[in-house]
Amino acid sequence: MFGKNAMKYPALVAGIIMFALFLADPKTKTWWNSLGDRFIPSTCKALIDRVSNKSPDNWSMECPGTSRLVLNIETEIDPDSTDLRKLMYRSMANNLKSFAIMANPETLQNLKVFEIMLESENFSILGKTDGQALAKLGRIDSPKKIAQHLRLTVKVKEQFK
């Protein structure tokens, strides 16, 4: 019976096979998840939408959850520099300050975890803070106060490659 109808409607059988292959594809699962996630309110996605237009090309942002944002930065600092560590920390502070200025402070305060990762060829710095500290950082103007604020609020880990 089925074989008889399959021979009668070959386009239908081909369509059913194509639909089954579509459902079995791993990219389809990713697509369905992104389709469902767009109706879930997310602080992280709101910040990415706000900052992505203004951000430099070497920034890449991702949202592992609704209130956690990870910022990866490929630095253009010369890896053979004698003050590589000092330059990387300065770059991290400048990038944190510019992110805090670009982002909406009211939205930034609701962010639970903000992680920043600066990578060079042989050295990486991982920084972790929260949104309230970043919102406060955006309002500070004095370099000494910025340095003091970063010492108190940002946890840092260094990795050598």
N, C-alpha and C. Protein backbone atom coordinates (compact mmCIF):
# COMPACT_ATOMS: atom_id res chain seq x y z
N MET A 1 0.82 -1.19 0.00
CA MET A 1 0.00 0.00 0.00
C MET A 1 0.87 1.26 0.00
N PHE A 2 1.82 1.32 0.93
CA PHE A 2 2.69 2.49 1.00
C PHE A 2 3.55 2.61 -0.25
N GLY A 3 4.08 1.48 -0.72
CA GLY A 3 4.90 1.49 -1.93
C GLY A 3 4.11 1.94 -3.14
N LYS A 4 2.85 1.57 -3.18
CA LYS A 4 1.99 1.96 -4.31
C LYS A 4 1.77 3.48 -4.31
N ASN A 5 1.50 4.05 -3.11
CA ASN A 5 1.30 5.50 -3.02
C ASN A 5 2.61 6.25 -3.22
N ALA A 6 3.72 5.66 -2.79
CA ALA A 6 5.02 6.30 -2.99
C ALA A 6 5.34 6.40 -4.46
N MET A 7 4.98 5.39 -5.21
CA MET A 7 5.21 5.43 -6.66
C MET A 7 4.25 6.42 -7.33
N LYS A 8 3.09 6.60 -6.71
CA LYS A 8 2.09 7.49 -7.29
C LYS A 8 2.45 8.96 -7.06
N TYR A 9 3.07 9.26 -5.85
CA TYR A 9 3.42 10.64 -5.48
C TYR A 9 4.91 10.72 -5.12
N PRO A 10 5.81 10.69 -6.08
CA PRO A 10 7.24 10.72 -5.75
C PRO A 10 7.71 12.05 -5.17
N ALA A 11 7.06 13.15 -5.54
CA ALA A 11 7.46 14.46 -4.99
C ALA A 11 7.15 14.52 -3.49
N LEU A 12 6.05 13.92 -3.07
CA LEU A 12 5.69 13.89 -1.66
C LEU A 12 6.72 13.09 -0.86
N VAL A 13 7.14 11.96 -1.38
CA VAL A 13 8.15 11.13 -0.70
C VAL A 13 9.47 11.89 -0.60
N ALA A 14 9.86 12.55 -1.68
CA ALA A 14 11.10 13.34 -1.65
C ALA A 14 10.99 14.48 -0.64
N GLY A 15 9.83 15.10 -0.55
CA GLY A 15 9.62 16.17 0.42
C GLY A 15 9.70 15.68 1.85
N ILE A 16 9.13 14.52 2.12
CA ILE A 16 9.19 13.94 3.47
C ILE A 16 10.62 13.60 3.84
N ILE A 17 11.38 13.06 2.90
CA ILE A 17 12.79 12.73 3.16
C ILE A 17 13.59 14.00 3.42
N MET A 18 13.36 15.05 2.62
CA MET A 18 14.08 16.31 2.82
C MET A 18 13.73 16.94 4.18
N PHE A 19 12.46 16.85 4.57
CA PHE A 19 12.04 17.39 5.86
C PHE A 19 12.68 16.62 7.01
N ALA A 20 12.78 15.31 6.89
CA ALA A 20 13.44 14.50 7.92
C ALA A 20 14.92 14.85 8.02
N LEU A 21 15.57 15.08 6.89
CA LEU A 21 16.98 15.49 6.92
C LEU A 21 17.13 16.88 7.54
N PHE A 22 16.20 17.76 7.27
CA PHE A 22 16.22 19.10 7.87
C PHE A 22 16.10 19.02 9.39
N LEU A 23 15.21 18.18 9.88
CA LEU A 23 15.03 18.05 11.33
C LEU A 23 16.22 17.39 12.00
N ALA A 24 16.94 16.53 11.28
CA ALA A 24 18.08 15.82 11.87
C ALA A 24 19.35 16.65 11.86
N ASP A 25 19.37 17.77 11.16
CA ASP A 25 20.57 18.59 11.04
C ASP A 25 20.85 19.34 12.35
N PRO A 26 22.10 19.36 12.85
CA PRO A 26 22.40 20.08 14.10
C PRO A 26 22.20 21.59 13.99
N LYS A 27 22.35 22.15 12.80
CA LYS A 27 22.14 23.59 12.64
C LYS A 27 20.68 23.96 12.85
N THR A 28 19.78 23.03 12.59
CA THR A 28 18.36 23.27 12.81
C THR A 28 18.07 23.46 14.29
N LYS A 29 18.73 22.67 15.13
CA LYS A 29 18.54 22.81 16.58
C LYS A 29 19.00 24.19 17.04
N THR A 30 20.14 24.64 16.53
CA THR A 30 20.64 25.97 16.87
C THR A 30 19.64 27.04 16.42
N TRP A 31 19.10 26.87 15.24
CA TRP A 31 18.12 27.83 14.72
C TRP A 31 16.87 27.87 15.58
N TRP A 32 16.35 26.70 15.98
CA TRP A 32 15.17 26.66 16.83
C TRP A 32 15.44 27.30 18.19
N ASN A 33 16.64 27.06 18.75
CA ASN A 33 16.99 27.66 20.04
C ASN A 33 17.06 29.18 19.94
N SER A 34 17.66 29.69 18.87
CA SER A 34 17.74 31.14 18.71
C SER A 34 16.36 31.74 18.48
N LEU A 35 15.50 31.01 17.80
CA LEU A 35 14.14 31.48 17.56
C LEU A 35 13.36 31.57 18.87
N GLY A 36 13.55 30.59 19.73
CA GLY A 36 12.86 30.60 21.02
C GLY A 36 13.46 31.59 22.00
N ASP A 37 14.78 31.83 21.91
CA ASP A 37 15.46 32.72 22.85
C ASP A 37 15.16 34.19 22.61
N ARG A 38 14.65 34.53 21.45
CA ARG A 38 14.45 35.95 21.20
C ARG A 38 13.27 36.51 21.97
N PHE A 39 12.43 35.67 22.54
CA PHE A 39 11.31 36.14 23.34
C PHE A 39 11.63 36.13 24.84
N ILE A 40 12.82 35.71 25.21
CA ILE A 40 13.25 35.72 26.61
C ILE A 40 14.02 37.02 26.85
N PRO A 41 13.59 37.85 27.81
CA PRO A 41 14.31 39.10 28.05
C PRO A 41 15.72 38.82 28.54
N SER A 42 16.68 39.53 27.96
CA SER A 42 18.08 39.29 28.28
C SER A 42 18.83 40.61 28.39
N THR A 43 19.45 40.83 29.53
CA THR A 43 20.26 42.02 29.73
C THR A 43 21.45 42.01 28.79
N CYS A 44 22.03 40.84 28.62
CA CYS A 44 23.22 40.70 27.79
C CYS A 44 22.94 41.08 26.35
N LYS A 45 21.85 40.58 25.79
CA LYS A 45 21.53 40.89 24.39
C LYS A 45 21.21 42.37 24.21
N ALA A 46 20.59 42.99 25.20
CA ALA A 46 20.31 44.42 25.12
C ALA A 46 21.60 45.22 25.08
N LEU A 47 22.58 44.82 25.88
CA LEU A 47 23.87 45.51 25.88
C LEU A 47 24.62 45.29 24.57
N ILE A 48 24.58 44.08 24.04
CA ILE A 48 25.27 43.81 22.78
C ILE A 48 24.64 44.63 21.65
N ASP A 49 23.31 44.72 21.63
CA ASP A 49 22.65 45.52 20.60
C ASP A 49 23.06 46.99 20.69
N ARG A 50 23.23 47.48 21.90
CA ARG A 50 23.60 48.89 22.10
C ARG A 50 25.05 49.16 21.73
N VAL A 51 25.95 48.25 22.10
CA VAL A 51 27.39 48.49 21.97
C VAL A 51 27.95 48.04 20.62
N SER A 52 27.35 47.06 19.99
CA SER A 52 27.95 46.46 18.79
C SER A 52 28.17 47.45 17.65
N ASN A 53 27.30 48.44 17.50
CA ASN A 53 27.48 49.43 16.43
C ASN A 53 28.67 50.34 16.69
N LYS A 54 28.97 50.61 17.95
CA LYS A 54 30.03 51.54 18.31
C LYS A 54 31.36 50.86 18.61
N SER A 55 31.37 49.55 18.75
CA SER A 55 32.56 48.84 19.21
C SER A 55 33.61 48.70 18.11
N PRO A 56 34.89 48.60 18.50
CA PRO A 56 35.96 48.39 17.52
C PRO A 56 35.86 47.01 16.87
N ASP A 57 36.58 46.83 15.79
CA ASP A 57 36.51 45.57 15.04
C ASP A 57 37.15 44.40 15.78
N ASN A 58 38.08 44.67 16.69
CA ASN A 58 38.75 43.56 17.38
C ASN A 58 37.97 43.06 18.61
N TRP A 59 36.78 43.57 18.85
CA TRP A 59 35.93 43.10 19.94
C TRP A 59 34.98 42.04 19.43
N SER A 60 34.83 40.97 20.19
CA SER A 60 33.77 39.99 19.90
C SER A 60 33.03 39.71 21.21
N MET A 61 31.71 39.84 21.17
CA MET A 61 30.89 39.70 22.36
C MET A 61 29.96 38.51 22.20
N GLU A 62 29.73 37.82 23.32
CA GLU A 62 28.79 36.70 23.30
C GLU A 62 28.05 36.62 24.62
N CYS A 63 26.89 35.98 24.59
CA CYS A 63 26.04 35.83 25.77
C CYS A 63 25.89 34.35 26.11
N PRO A 64 26.65 33.82 27.08
CA PRO A 64 26.44 32.44 27.49
C PRO A 64 25.15 32.25 28.29
N GLY A 65 24.61 33.31 28.84
CA GLY A 65 23.35 33.25 29.58
C GLY A 65 22.61 34.56 29.40
N THR A 66 21.58 34.78 30.20
CA THR A 66 20.81 36.01 30.04
C THR A 66 21.45 37.20 30.75
N SER A 67 22.23 36.95 31.79
CA SER A 67 22.83 38.06 32.53
C SER A 67 24.34 37.91 32.66
N ARG A 68 24.97 37.33 31.67
CA ARG A 68 26.43 37.17 31.65
C ARG A 68 26.92 37.54 30.26
N LEU A 69 27.92 38.43 30.20
CA LEU A 69 28.46 38.88 28.92
C LEU A 69 29.96 38.61 28.91
N VAL A 70 30.45 38.06 27.80
CA VAL A 70 31.88 37.78 27.64
C VAL A 70 32.38 38.61 26.47
N LEU A 71 33.41 39.41 26.73
CA LEU A 71 34.02 40.27 25.72
C LEU A 71 35.42 39.77 25.44
N ASN A 72 35.67 39.31 24.21
CA ASN A 72 37.00 38.86 23.79
C ASN A 72 37.63 39.94 22.94
N ILE A 73 38.89 40.27 23.24
CA ILE A 73 39.59 41.32 22.51
C ILE A 73 40.92 40.79 22.04
N GLU A 74 41.15 40.88 20.74
CA GLU A 74 42.45 40.56 20.16
C GLU A 74 43.27 41.85 20.18
N THR A 75 44.33 41.87 20.97
CA THR A 75 45.12 43.09 21.09
C THR A 75 46.11 43.22 19.94
N GLU A 76 46.43 44.47 19.63
CA GLU A 76 47.42 44.75 18.60
C GLU A 76 48.75 45.16 19.21
N ILE A 77 48.96 44.81 20.47
CA ILE A 77 50.21 45.15 21.16
C ILE A 77 51.31 44.21 20.70
N ASP A 78 52.50 44.77 20.47
CA ASP A 78 53.64 43.98 20.03
C ASP A 78 54.02 42.97 21.12
N PRO A 79 54.00 41.66 20.81
CA PRO A 79 54.30 40.66 21.85
C PRO A 79 55.76 40.66 22.31
N ASP A 80 56.63 41.31 21.56
CA ASP A 80 58.05 41.37 21.94
C ASP A 80 58.37 42.59 22.79
N SER A 81 57.36 43.36 23.15
CA SER A 81 57.56 44.56 23.94
C SER A 81 58.05 44.20 25.34
N THR A 82 58.90 45.05 25.91
CA THR A 82 59.43 44.80 27.25
C THR A 82 58.36 45.05 28.32
N ASP A 83 57.43 45.95 28.04
CA ASP A 83 56.37 46.28 28.99
C ASP A 83 55.03 45.66 28.57
N LEU A 84 55.06 44.44 28.09
CA LEU A 84 53.85 43.80 27.58
C LEU A 84 52.77 43.71 28.65
N ARG A 85 53.14 43.30 29.83
CA ARG A 85 52.17 43.14 30.92
C ARG A 85 51.52 44.48 31.27
N LYS A 86 52.33 45.51 31.38
CA LYS A 86 51.83 46.85 31.70
C LYS A 86 50.91 47.37 30.60
N LEU A 87 51.29 47.16 29.35
CA LEU A 87 50.48 47.62 28.23
C LEU A 87 49.15 46.85 28.15
N MET A 88 49.18 45.57 28.46
CA MET A 88 47.95 44.77 28.44
C MET A 88 46.98 45.23 29.53
N TYR A 89 47.50 45.50 30.72
CA TYR A 89 46.63 45.98 31.80
C TYR A 89 46.05 47.36 31.46
N ARG A 90 46.85 48.21 30.86
CA ARG A 90 46.36 49.53 30.46
C ARG A 90 45.28 49.38 29.39
N SER A 91 45.50 48.48 28.46
CA SER A 91 44.51 48.23 27.41
C SER A 91 43.21 47.69 28.00
N MET A 92 43.33 46.81 28.98
CA MET A 92 42.13 46.27 29.63
C MET A 92 41.35 47.38 30.33
N ALA A 93 42.05 48.25 31.03
CA ALA A 93 41.38 49.36 31.72
C ALA A 93 40.70 50.29 30.72
N ASN A 94 41.39 50.60 29.63
CA ASN A 94 40.80 51.49 28.62
C ASN A 94 39.58 50.84 27.96
N ASN A 95 39.65 49.54 27.69
CA ASN A 95 38.52 48.85 27.07
C ASN A 95 37.33 48.75 28.02
N LEU A 96 37.59 48.52 29.30
CA LEU A 96 36.50 48.49 30.28
C LEU A 96 35.82 49.86 30.38
N LYS A 97 36.63 50.91 30.40
CA LYS A 97 36.09 52.27 30.48
C LYS A 97 35.27 52.60 29.23
N SER A 98 35.78 52.25 28.05
CA SER A 98 35.04 52.58 26.84
C SER A 98 33.76 51.75 26.72
N PHE A 99 33.77 50.49 27.18
CA PHE A 99 32.54 49.70 27.19
C PHE A 99 31.52 50.32 28.14
N ALA A 100 31.98 50.77 29.30
CA ALA A 100 31.07 51.37 30.27
C ALA A 100 30.47 52.67 29.74
N ILE A 101 31.22 53.41 28.95
CA ILE A 101 30.70 54.65 28.38
C ILE A 101 29.70 54.35 27.26
N MET A 102 30.00 53.35 26.43
CA MET A 102 29.12 53.03 25.30
C MET A 102 27.80 52.40 25.73
N ALA A 103 27.81 51.66 26.81
CA ALA A 103 26.61 50.91 27.24
C ALA A 103 25.64 51.83 27.99
N ASN A 104 24.40 51.42 28.00
CA ASN A 104 23.37 52.13 28.75
C ASN A 104 23.56 51.83 30.24
N PRO A 105 23.77 52.84 31.09
CA PRO A 105 24.06 52.57 32.51
C PRO A 105 22.94 51.84 33.24
N GLU A 106 21.68 52.13 32.90
CA GLU A 106 20.56 51.47 33.58
C GLU A 106 20.53 49.97 33.25
N THR A 107 20.82 49.64 32.01
CA THR A 107 20.87 48.23 31.61
C THR A 107 22.10 47.55 32.17
N LEU A 108 23.21 48.28 32.18
CA LEU A 108 24.48 47.74 32.65
C LEU A 108 24.41 47.35 34.13
N GLN A 109 23.64 48.09 34.92
CA GLN A 109 23.52 47.77 36.34
C GLN A 109 22.85 46.42 36.59
N ASN A 110 22.04 45.96 35.65
CA ASN A 110 21.34 44.68 35.81
C ASN A 110 22.18 43.49 35.38
N LEU A 111 23.34 43.74 34.80
CA LEU A 111 24.22 42.65 34.36
C LEU A 111 24.90 42.03 35.57
N LYS A 112 24.79 40.72 35.72
CA LYS A 112 25.36 40.04 36.89
C LYS A 112 26.86 39.81 36.75
N VAL A 113 27.29 39.31 35.58
CA VAL A 113 28.71 38.96 35.39
C VAL A 113 29.18 39.54 34.06
N PHE A 114 30.32 40.22 34.11
CA PHE A 114 30.96 40.73 32.90
C PHE A 114 32.38 40.18 32.89
N GLU A 115 32.73 39.46 31.83
CA GLU A 115 34.07 38.90 31.70
C GLU A 115 34.74 39.51 30.48
N ILE A 116 36.00 39.86 30.64
CA ILE A 116 36.78 40.42 29.55
C ILE A 116 38.02 39.56 29.38
N MET A 117 38.38 39.29 28.14
CA MET A 117 39.55 38.46 27.85
C MET A 117 40.39 39.16 26.80
N LEU A 118 41.59 39.58 27.18
CA LEU A 118 42.53 40.19 26.25
C LEU A 118 43.54 39.14 25.86
N GLU A 119 43.72 38.95 24.57
CA GLU A 119 44.63 37.92 24.08
C GLU A 119 45.70 38.52 23.19
N SER A 120 46.93 38.11 23.44
CA SER A 120 48.03 38.39 22.52
C SER A 120 48.65 37.03 22.17
N GLU A 121 49.75 37.05 21.46
CA GLU A 121 50.32 35.79 20.99
C GLU A 121 50.81 34.88 22.11
N ASN A 122 51.39 35.46 23.17
CA ASN A 122 51.95 34.61 24.22
C ASN A 122 51.47 34.97 25.63
N PHE A 123 50.44 35.81 25.74
CA PHE A 123 50.00 36.27 27.05
C PHE A 123 48.52 36.61 26.98
N SER A 124 47.75 36.21 27.99
CA SER A 124 46.32 36.53 28.05
C SER A 124 45.98 37.04 29.44
N ILE A 125 45.03 37.94 29.48
CA ILE A 125 44.51 38.45 30.75
C ILE A 125 43.01 38.22 30.77
N LEU A 126 42.54 37.61 31.84
CA LEU A 126 41.11 37.39 32.05
C LEU A 126 40.65 38.28 33.20
N GLY A 127 39.63 39.07 32.98
CA GLY A 127 39.09 39.94 34.01
C GLY A 127 37.62 39.65 34.23
N LYS A 128 37.18 39.79 35.48
CA LYS A 128 35.78 39.49 35.81
C LYS A 128 35.27 40.54 36.78
N THR A 129 34.11 41.09 36.47
CA THR A 129 33.49 42.09 37.33
C THR A 129 31.97 42.01 37.15
N ASP A 130 31.25 42.92 37.78
CA ASP A 130 29.80 42.93 37.63
C ASP A 130 29.35 44.23 36.97
N GLY A 131 28.08 44.28 36.62
CA GLY A 131 27.56 45.42 35.89
C GLY A 131 27.49 46.70 36.71
N GLN A 132 27.21 46.59 37.99
CA GLN A 132 27.14 47.78 38.83
C GLN A 132 28.49 48.48 38.91
N ALA A 133 29.56 47.70 39.01
CA ALA A 133 30.90 48.29 39.05
C ALA A 133 31.23 48.97 37.72
N LEU A 134 30.81 48.36 36.61
CA LEU A 134 31.06 48.97 35.30
C LEU A 134 30.25 50.25 35.13
N ALA A 135 29.02 50.26 35.60
CA ALA A 135 28.20 51.47 35.51
C ALA A 135 28.83 52.61 36.30
N LYS A 136 29.38 52.28 37.46
CA LYS A 136 30.06 53.29 38.26
C LYS A 136 31.35 53.74 37.58
N LEU A 137 32.05 52.82 36.93
CA LEU A 137 33.28 53.15 36.21
C LEU A 137 33.02 54.15 35.10
N GLY A 138 31.88 54.06 34.45
CA GLY A 138 31.54 54.99 33.37
C GLY A 138 31.37 56.42 33.84
N ARG A 139 31.09 56.61 35.13
CA ARG A 139 30.90 57.96 35.68
C ARG A 139 32.17 58.56 36.26
N ILE A 140 33.24 57.77 36.41
CA ILE A 140 34.48 58.26 37.02
C ILE A 140 35.36 58.88 35.94
N ASP A 141 35.96 60.04 36.24
CA ASP A 141 36.79 60.74 35.25
C ASP A 141 38.27 60.77 35.60
N SER A 142 38.62 60.77 36.84
CA SER A 142 40.02 60.88 37.25
C SER A 142 40.76 59.56 37.03
N PRO A 143 41.95 59.59 36.40
CA PRO A 143 42.71 58.35 36.19
C PRO A 143 43.07 57.62 37.49
N LYS A 144 43.38 58.37 38.54
CA LYS A 144 43.72 57.73 39.81
C LYS A 144 42.50 57.04 40.43
N LYS A 145 41.35 57.68 40.32
CA LYS A 145 40.13 57.07 40.85
C LYS A 145 39.72 55.85 40.02
N ILE A 146 39.96 55.92 38.71
CA ILE A 146 39.67 54.77 37.84
C ILE A 146 40.55 53.59 38.24
N ALA A 147 41.85 53.85 38.44
CA ALA A 147 42.77 52.77 38.83
C ALA A 147 42.37 52.17 40.18
N GLN A 148 42.00 53.01 41.13
CA GLN A 148 41.57 52.52 42.44
C GLN A 148 40.29 51.70 42.33
N HIS A 149 39.36 52.18 41.53
CA HIS A 149 38.09 51.46 41.34
C HIS A 149 38.32 50.10 40.69
N LEU A 150 39.19 50.04 39.70
CA LEU A 150 39.48 48.77 39.03
C LEU A 150 40.17 47.78 39.96
N ARG A 151 41.07 48.27 40.82
CA ARG A 151 41.73 47.39 41.79
C ARG A 151 40.71 46.75 42.74
N LEU A 152 39.69 47.51 43.10
CA LEU A 152 38.70 47.01 44.06
C LEU A 152 37.65 46.09 43.43
N THR A 153 37.33 46.29 42.16
CA THR A 153 36.16 45.61 41.60
C THR A 153 36.47 44.55 40.55
N VAL A 154 37.64 44.54 39.97
CA VAL A 154 37.94 43.59 38.88
C VAL A 154 38.88 42.51 39.40
N LYS A 155 38.46 41.26 39.23
CA LYS A 155 39.32 40.12 39.54
C LYS A 155 40.07 39.76 38.27
N VAL A 156 41.38 39.58 38.38
CA VAL A 156 42.21 39.38 37.20
C VAL A 156 42.99 38.08 37.32
N LYS A 157 43.13 37.40 36.18
CA LYS A 157 43.93 36.18 36.11
C LYS A 157 44.79 36.26 34.85
N GLU A 158 46.07 35.97 35.00
CA GLU A 158 47.00 36.00 33.87
C GLU A 158 47.28 34.59 33.40
N GLN A 159 47.42 34.43 32.08
CA GLN A 159 47.75 33.13 31.51
C GLN A 159 48.86 33.32 30.49
N PHE A 160 49.92 32.53 30.65
CA PHE A 160 50.99 32.52 29.67
C PHE A 160 50.79 31.33 28.75
N LYS A 161 51.02 31.55 27.47
CA LYS A 161 50.81 30.47 26.50
C LYS A 161 52.10 29.76 26.19
